[in-house]
């Protein structure tokens, strides 16, 4: 990730664009890949920075374009935060299941199906 994505992100001028690209990069990795979480961490950092930049614009001048832009930035922060939380929860549950020594195969199969339904889109 660092050698491949960060140089491109650093060349982008807009925090919004950096966030969008980082979030897209996360989708290129499988849910079990640690790089996915790293991409989402970076995407969230840039999304929060973009939101702050837009908030500063609002303080200077209030118009409908800036308000719409702020709403989009806040939605992006929420979306990325939710993706991170789901991925983290899924990873944690998988770790618990792998360490568990109790239960039968049917119970684990049902729980595994439930975990797989927590897909991060």
N, C-alpha and C. Protein backbone atom coordinates (compact mmCIF):
# COMPACT_ATOMS: atom_id res chain seq x y z
N UNK A 1 0.84 -1.21 0.00
CA UNK A 1 0.00 0.00 0.00
C UNK A 1 0.86 1.24 0.00
N UNK A 2 1.79 1.33 0.92
CA UNK A 2 2.58 2.55 1.05
C UNK A 2 3.33 2.84 -0.23
N UNK A 3 3.96 1.85 -0.80
CA UNK A 3 4.77 2.09 -1.99
C UNK A 3 3.92 2.29 -3.25
N UNK A 4 2.70 1.76 -3.26
CA UNK A 4 1.89 1.83 -4.46
C UNK A 4 0.89 2.99 -4.47
N UNK A 5 0.20 3.19 -3.36
CA UNK A 5 -0.92 4.13 -3.33
C UNK A 5 -0.54 5.51 -2.81
N UNK A 6 0.24 5.56 -1.75
CA UNK A 6 0.55 6.85 -1.13
C UNK A 6 1.21 7.86 -2.07
N UNK A 7 2.15 7.46 -2.94
CA UNK A 7 2.71 8.47 -3.85
C UNK A 7 1.65 9.10 -4.76
N UNK A 8 0.69 8.32 -5.19
CA UNK A 8 -0.38 8.85 -6.03
C UNK A 8 -1.27 9.78 -5.21
N UNK A 9 -1.61 9.35 -3.99
CA UNK A 9 -2.44 10.19 -3.13
C UNK A 9 -1.77 11.53 -2.84
N UNK A 10 -0.48 11.50 -2.63
CA UNK A 10 0.25 12.74 -2.32
C UNK A 10 0.28 13.71 -3.49
N UNK A 11 0.11 13.21 -4.70
CA UNK A 11 0.10 14.09 -5.86
C UNK A 11 -1.26 14.76 -6.08
N UNK A 12 -2.29 14.20 -5.47
CA UNK A 12 -3.62 14.81 -5.60
C UNK A 12 -3.70 16.05 -4.71
N UNK A 13 -4.34 17.07 -5.20
CA UNK A 13 -4.44 18.34 -4.47
C UNK A 13 -5.61 18.35 -3.48
N UNK A 14 -6.67 17.65 -3.82
CA UNK A 14 -7.90 17.72 -3.05
C UNK A 14 -8.00 16.58 -2.04
N UNK A 15 -8.32 16.92 -0.80
CA UNK A 15 -8.54 15.90 0.24
C UNK A 15 -9.72 15.02 -0.15
N UNK A 16 -10.70 15.63 -0.79
CA UNK A 16 -11.87 14.87 -1.26
C UNK A 16 -11.43 13.79 -2.24
N UNK A 17 -10.62 14.16 -3.22
CA UNK A 17 -10.14 13.19 -4.21
C UNK A 17 -9.27 12.12 -3.56
N UNK A 18 -8.46 12.52 -2.59
CA UNK A 18 -7.62 11.56 -1.88
C UNK A 18 -8.48 10.56 -1.13
N UNK A 19 -9.55 11.04 -0.54
CA UNK A 19 -10.46 10.17 0.20
C UNK A 19 -11.16 9.19 -0.74
N UNK A 20 -11.65 9.70 -1.86
CA UNK A 20 -12.36 8.85 -2.83
C UNK A 20 -11.44 7.77 -3.37
N UNK A 21 -10.22 8.13 -3.73
CA UNK A 21 -9.27 7.16 -4.26
C UNK A 21 -8.89 6.12 -3.20
N UNK A 22 -8.66 6.55 -1.98
CA UNK A 22 -8.31 5.61 -0.91
C UNK A 22 -9.44 4.64 -0.64
N UNK A 23 -10.67 5.14 -0.65
CA UNK A 23 -11.82 4.27 -0.42
C UNK A 23 -11.95 3.26 -1.57
N UNK A 24 -11.73 3.71 -2.78
CA UNK A 24 -11.78 2.81 -3.93
C UNK A 24 -10.69 1.74 -3.82
N UNK A 25 -9.48 2.15 -3.43
CA UNK A 25 -8.38 1.20 -3.28
C UNK A 25 -8.74 0.11 -2.27
N UNK A 26 -9.46 0.47 -1.23
CA UNK A 26 -9.86 -0.52 -0.22
C UNK A 26 -10.69 -1.63 -0.85
N UNK A 27 -11.50 -1.28 -1.84
CA UNK A 27 -12.35 -2.30 -2.48
C UNK A 27 -11.54 -3.27 -3.32
N UNK A 28 -10.30 -2.94 -3.62
CA UNK A 28 -9.46 -3.81 -4.43
C UNK A 28 -8.86 -4.95 -3.61
N UNK A 29 -8.95 -4.86 -2.30
CA UNK A 29 -8.41 -5.89 -1.42
C UNK A 29 -9.55 -6.72 -0.85
N UNK A 30 -9.30 -7.98 -0.59
CA UNK A 30 -10.29 -8.85 0.04
C UNK A 30 -10.56 -8.40 1.46
N UNK A 31 -11.69 -8.84 1.99
CA UNK A 31 -12.08 -8.42 3.33
C UNK A 31 -11.10 -8.90 4.40
N UNK A 32 -10.41 -9.99 4.14
CA UNK A 32 -9.46 -10.52 5.12
C UNK A 32 -8.06 -9.92 4.97
N UNK A 33 -7.88 -9.08 3.99
CA UNK A 33 -6.57 -8.49 3.74
C UNK A 33 -6.38 -7.25 4.61
N UNK A 34 -5.28 -7.20 5.33
CA UNK A 34 -4.98 -6.09 6.23
C UNK A 34 -4.87 -4.76 5.47
N UNK A 35 -4.51 -4.81 4.20
CA UNK A 35 -4.37 -3.59 3.40
C UNK A 35 -5.71 -2.87 3.24
N UNK A 36 -6.80 -3.64 3.27
CA UNK A 36 -8.13 -3.02 3.14
C UNK A 36 -8.38 -2.06 4.29
N UNK A 37 -8.06 -2.50 5.51
CA UNK A 37 -8.26 -1.64 6.68
C UNK A 37 -7.33 -0.43 6.61
N UNK A 38 -6.11 -0.63 6.15
CA UNK A 38 -5.18 0.50 6.03
C UNK A 38 -5.71 1.54 5.04
N UNK A 39 -6.25 1.06 3.92
CA UNK A 39 -6.83 1.99 2.93
C UNK A 39 -8.01 2.74 3.53
N UNK A 40 -8.85 2.04 4.29
CA UNK A 40 -9.99 2.70 4.91
C UNK A 40 -9.54 3.71 5.97
N UNK A 41 -8.47 3.39 6.70
CA UNK A 41 -7.92 4.35 7.67
C UNK A 41 -7.50 5.64 6.96
N UNK A 42 -6.78 5.46 5.87
CA UNK A 42 -6.30 6.63 5.10
C UNK A 42 -7.49 7.39 4.51
N UNK A 43 -8.46 6.65 3.97
CA UNK A 43 -9.63 7.29 3.37
C UNK A 43 -10.39 8.11 4.42
N UNK A 44 -10.53 7.55 5.60
CA UNK A 44 -11.24 8.27 6.66
C UNK A 44 -10.48 9.53 7.07
N UNK A 45 -9.18 9.42 7.16
CA UNK A 45 -8.35 10.59 7.51
C UNK A 45 -8.56 11.71 6.49
N UNK A 46 -8.50 11.38 5.20
CA UNK A 46 -8.69 12.39 4.16
C UNK A 46 -10.13 12.90 4.12
N UNK A 47 -11.10 12.02 4.38
CA UNK A 47 -12.50 12.44 4.38
C UNK A 47 -12.76 13.45 5.50
N UNK A 48 -12.18 13.21 6.67
CA UNK A 48 -12.35 14.15 7.78
C UNK A 48 -11.65 15.48 7.48
N UNK A 49 -10.50 15.40 6.82
CA UNK A 49 -9.79 16.62 6.44
C UNK A 49 -10.62 17.41 5.42
N UNK A 50 -11.20 16.72 4.45
CA UNK A 50 -12.04 17.38 3.45
C UNK A 50 -13.26 18.02 4.11
N UNK A 51 -13.84 17.32 5.07
CA UNK A 51 -15.00 17.87 5.78
C UNK A 51 -14.62 19.14 6.53
N UNK A 52 -13.47 19.13 7.17
CA UNK A 52 -13.00 20.33 7.89
C UNK A 52 -12.76 21.49 6.93
N UNK A 53 -12.19 21.20 5.78
CA UNK A 53 -11.93 22.25 4.79
C UNK A 53 -13.24 22.88 4.31
N UNK A 54 -14.23 22.03 4.10
CA UNK A 54 -15.53 22.54 3.65
C UNK A 54 -16.19 23.36 4.75
N UNK A 55 -16.05 22.91 5.98
CA UNK A 55 -16.62 23.65 7.10
C UNK A 55 -16.00 25.05 7.19
N UNK A 56 -14.71 25.16 6.92
CA UNK A 56 -14.06 26.46 6.92
C UNK A 56 -14.62 27.35 5.80
N UNK A 57 -14.92 26.73 4.65
CA UNK A 57 -15.53 27.50 3.55
C UNK A 57 -16.88 28.05 3.98
N UNK A 58 -17.64 27.23 4.69
CA UNK A 58 -18.97 27.66 5.14
C UNK A 58 -18.86 28.85 6.07
N UNK A 59 -17.85 28.83 6.93
CA UNK A 59 -17.66 29.94 7.85
C UNK A 59 -17.35 31.24 7.11
N UNK A 60 -16.71 31.13 5.96
CA UNK A 60 -16.38 32.32 5.17
C UNK A 60 -17.56 32.81 4.34
N UNK A 61 -18.27 31.88 3.74
CA UNK A 61 -19.42 32.27 2.91
C UNK A 61 -20.41 31.12 2.89
N UNK A 62 -21.65 31.46 2.99
CA UNK A 62 -22.70 30.46 3.01
C UNK A 62 -23.47 30.52 1.70
N UNK A 63 -23.33 29.45 0.92
CA UNK A 63 -24.16 29.33 -0.28
C UNK A 63 -24.55 27.88 -0.45
N UNK A 64 -25.49 27.63 -1.31
CA UNK A 64 -26.07 26.29 -1.43
C UNK A 64 -25.05 25.26 -1.91
N UNK A 65 -24.10 25.68 -2.77
CA UNK A 65 -23.09 24.73 -3.27
C UNK A 65 -22.21 24.22 -2.13
N UNK A 66 -21.81 25.10 -1.24
CA UNK A 66 -20.95 24.71 -0.13
C UNK A 66 -21.71 23.82 0.85
N UNK A 67 -22.98 24.12 1.07
CA UNK A 67 -23.80 23.30 1.97
C UNK A 67 -23.95 21.89 1.42
N UNK A 68 -24.18 21.77 0.13
CA UNK A 68 -24.29 20.45 -0.51
C UNK A 68 -22.95 19.72 -0.41
N UNK A 69 -21.89 20.44 -0.65
CA UNK A 69 -20.55 19.85 -0.57
C UNK A 69 -20.26 19.34 0.85
N UNK A 70 -20.69 20.11 1.85
CA UNK A 70 -20.48 19.68 3.24
C UNK A 70 -21.27 18.41 3.54
N UNK A 71 -22.50 18.35 3.07
CA UNK A 71 -23.33 17.16 3.29
C UNK A 71 -22.67 15.93 2.66
N UNK A 72 -22.15 16.09 1.46
CA UNK A 72 -21.47 14.97 0.79
C UNK A 72 -20.22 14.54 1.56
N UNK A 73 -19.49 15.51 2.08
CA UNK A 73 -18.28 15.18 2.85
C UNK A 73 -18.63 14.43 4.13
N UNK A 74 -19.67 14.89 4.81
CA UNK A 74 -20.08 14.20 6.04
C UNK A 74 -20.61 12.80 5.74
N UNK A 75 -21.33 12.66 4.64
CA UNK A 75 -21.81 11.33 4.24
C UNK A 75 -20.64 10.40 3.95
N UNK A 76 -19.59 10.93 3.32
CA UNK A 76 -18.40 10.13 3.02
C UNK A 76 -17.72 9.67 4.31
N UNK A 77 -17.62 10.57 5.28
CA UNK A 77 -17.01 10.21 6.56
C UNK A 77 -17.82 9.10 7.23
N UNK A 78 -19.14 9.24 7.24
CA UNK A 78 -20.01 8.21 7.84
C UNK A 78 -19.87 6.88 7.12
N UNK A 79 -19.88 6.92 5.79
CA UNK A 79 -19.80 5.68 5.01
C UNK A 79 -18.49 4.95 5.27
N UNK A 80 -17.39 5.67 5.26
CA UNK A 80 -16.09 5.04 5.49
C UNK A 80 -15.99 4.53 6.92
N UNK A 81 -16.50 5.29 7.87
CA UNK A 81 -16.49 4.84 9.27
C UNK A 81 -17.28 3.55 9.43
N UNK A 82 -18.44 3.47 8.77
CA UNK A 82 -19.25 2.26 8.83
C UNK A 82 -18.53 1.07 8.22
N UNK A 83 -17.86 1.29 7.09
CA UNK A 83 -17.11 0.20 6.45
C UNK A 83 -16.01 -0.31 7.37
N UNK A 84 -15.31 0.62 8.00
CA UNK A 84 -14.25 0.23 8.93
C UNK A 84 -14.81 -0.57 10.10
N UNK A 85 -15.92 -0.12 10.66
CA UNK A 85 -16.52 -0.80 11.80
C UNK A 85 -16.98 -2.21 11.44
N UNK A 86 -17.62 -2.36 10.28
CA UNK A 86 -18.07 -3.67 9.85
C UNK A 86 -16.89 -4.60 9.62
N UNK A 87 -15.86 -4.10 8.96
CA UNK A 87 -14.68 -4.92 8.70
C UNK A 87 -14.00 -5.33 10.00
N UNK A 88 -13.90 -4.41 10.93
CA UNK A 88 -13.29 -4.70 12.22
C UNK A 88 -14.11 -5.73 13.00
N UNK A 89 -15.44 -5.56 13.02
CA UNK A 89 -16.31 -6.50 13.72
C UNK A 89 -16.21 -7.90 13.12
N UNK A 90 -16.22 -7.96 11.80
CA UNK A 90 -16.14 -9.25 11.12
C UNK A 90 -14.82 -9.95 11.44
N UNK A 91 -13.75 -9.19 11.44
CA UNK A 91 -12.44 -9.75 11.75
C UNK A 91 -12.41 -10.28 13.19
N UNK A 92 -12.98 -9.51 14.10
CA UNK A 92 -13.00 -9.90 15.50
C UNK A 92 -13.81 -11.18 15.71
N UNK A 93 -14.97 -11.27 15.09
CA UNK A 93 -15.81 -12.46 15.22
C UNK A 93 -15.10 -13.68 14.63
N UNK A 94 -14.46 -13.50 13.47
CA UNK A 94 -13.72 -14.60 12.87
C UNK A 94 -12.60 -15.09 13.79
N UNK A 95 -11.91 -14.16 14.43
CA UNK A 95 -10.85 -14.55 15.36
C UNK A 95 -11.42 -15.34 16.54
N UNK A 96 -12.55 -14.91 17.04
CA UNK A 96 -13.19 -15.62 18.17
C UNK A 96 -13.59 -17.02 17.73
N UNK A 97 -14.17 -17.13 16.54
CA UNK A 97 -14.58 -18.45 16.05
C UNK A 97 -13.38 -19.37 15.86
N UNK A 98 -12.29 -18.84 15.36
CA UNK A 98 -11.11 -19.66 15.14
C UNK A 98 -10.52 -20.15 16.45
N UNK A 99 -10.65 -19.37 17.50
CA UNK A 99 -10.09 -19.75 18.79
C UNK A 99 -11.04 -20.62 19.62
N UNK A 100 -12.30 -20.65 19.23
CA UNK A 100 -13.30 -21.37 20.00
C UNK A 100 -13.13 -22.87 19.85
N UNK A 101 -13.31 -23.58 20.97
CA UNK A 101 -13.20 -25.04 20.95
C UNK A 101 -14.53 -25.69 21.28
N UNK A 102 -15.56 -24.89 21.45
CA UNK A 102 -16.87 -25.41 21.83
C UNK A 102 -17.86 -25.21 20.70
N UNK A 103 -18.86 -26.04 20.68
CA UNK A 103 -19.89 -25.93 19.66
C UNK A 103 -19.73 -27.01 18.61
N UNK A 104 -20.81 -27.23 17.87
CA UNK A 104 -20.74 -28.25 16.83
C UNK A 104 -20.64 -27.59 15.47
N UNK A 105 -20.45 -28.40 14.46
CA UNK A 105 -20.22 -27.91 13.10
C UNK A 105 -21.40 -27.09 12.58
N UNK A 106 -22.64 -27.50 12.92
CA UNK A 106 -23.82 -26.75 12.45
C UNK A 106 -23.87 -25.35 13.03
N UNK A 107 -23.53 -25.22 14.32
CA UNK A 107 -23.53 -23.90 14.95
C UNK A 107 -22.50 -22.99 14.28
N UNK A 108 -21.32 -23.53 14.04
CA UNK A 108 -20.28 -22.73 13.41
C UNK A 108 -20.65 -22.36 11.98
N UNK A 109 -21.31 -23.28 11.27
CA UNK A 109 -21.71 -23.01 9.90
C UNK A 109 -22.72 -21.86 9.85
N UNK A 110 -23.68 -21.86 10.76
CA UNK A 110 -24.70 -20.81 10.81
C UNK A 110 -24.06 -19.46 11.14
N UNK A 111 -23.18 -19.46 12.14
CA UNK A 111 -22.50 -18.21 12.52
C UNK A 111 -21.62 -17.72 11.38
N UNK A 112 -20.94 -18.62 10.71
CA UNK A 112 -20.08 -18.25 9.58
C UNK A 112 -20.92 -17.61 8.47
N UNK A 113 -22.11 -18.16 8.20
CA UNK A 113 -22.99 -17.57 7.20
C UNK A 113 -23.41 -16.17 7.59
N UNK A 114 -23.68 -15.98 8.89
CA UNK A 114 -24.06 -14.65 9.37
C UNK A 114 -22.91 -13.67 9.20
N UNK A 115 -21.71 -14.11 9.46
CA UNK A 115 -20.53 -13.25 9.31
C UNK A 115 -20.34 -12.88 7.85
N UNK A 116 -20.50 -13.86 6.97
CA UNK A 116 -20.33 -13.58 5.55
C UNK A 116 -21.35 -12.57 5.04
N UNK A 117 -22.51 -12.49 5.70
CA UNK A 117 -23.52 -11.50 5.32
C UNK A 117 -23.11 -10.09 5.69
N UNK A 118 -22.12 -9.96 6.57
CA UNK A 118 -21.62 -8.64 6.95
C UNK A 118 -20.61 -8.12 5.93
N UNK A 119 -20.90 -8.32 4.68
CA UNK A 119 -19.95 -7.92 3.67
C UNK A 119 -19.83 -6.41 3.61
N UNK A 120 -18.62 -5.96 3.37
CA UNK A 120 -18.34 -4.53 3.25
C UNK A 120 -18.40 -4.17 1.77
N UNK A 121 -19.28 -3.28 1.46
CA UNK A 121 -19.45 -2.90 0.06
C UNK A 121 -18.83 -1.56 -0.18
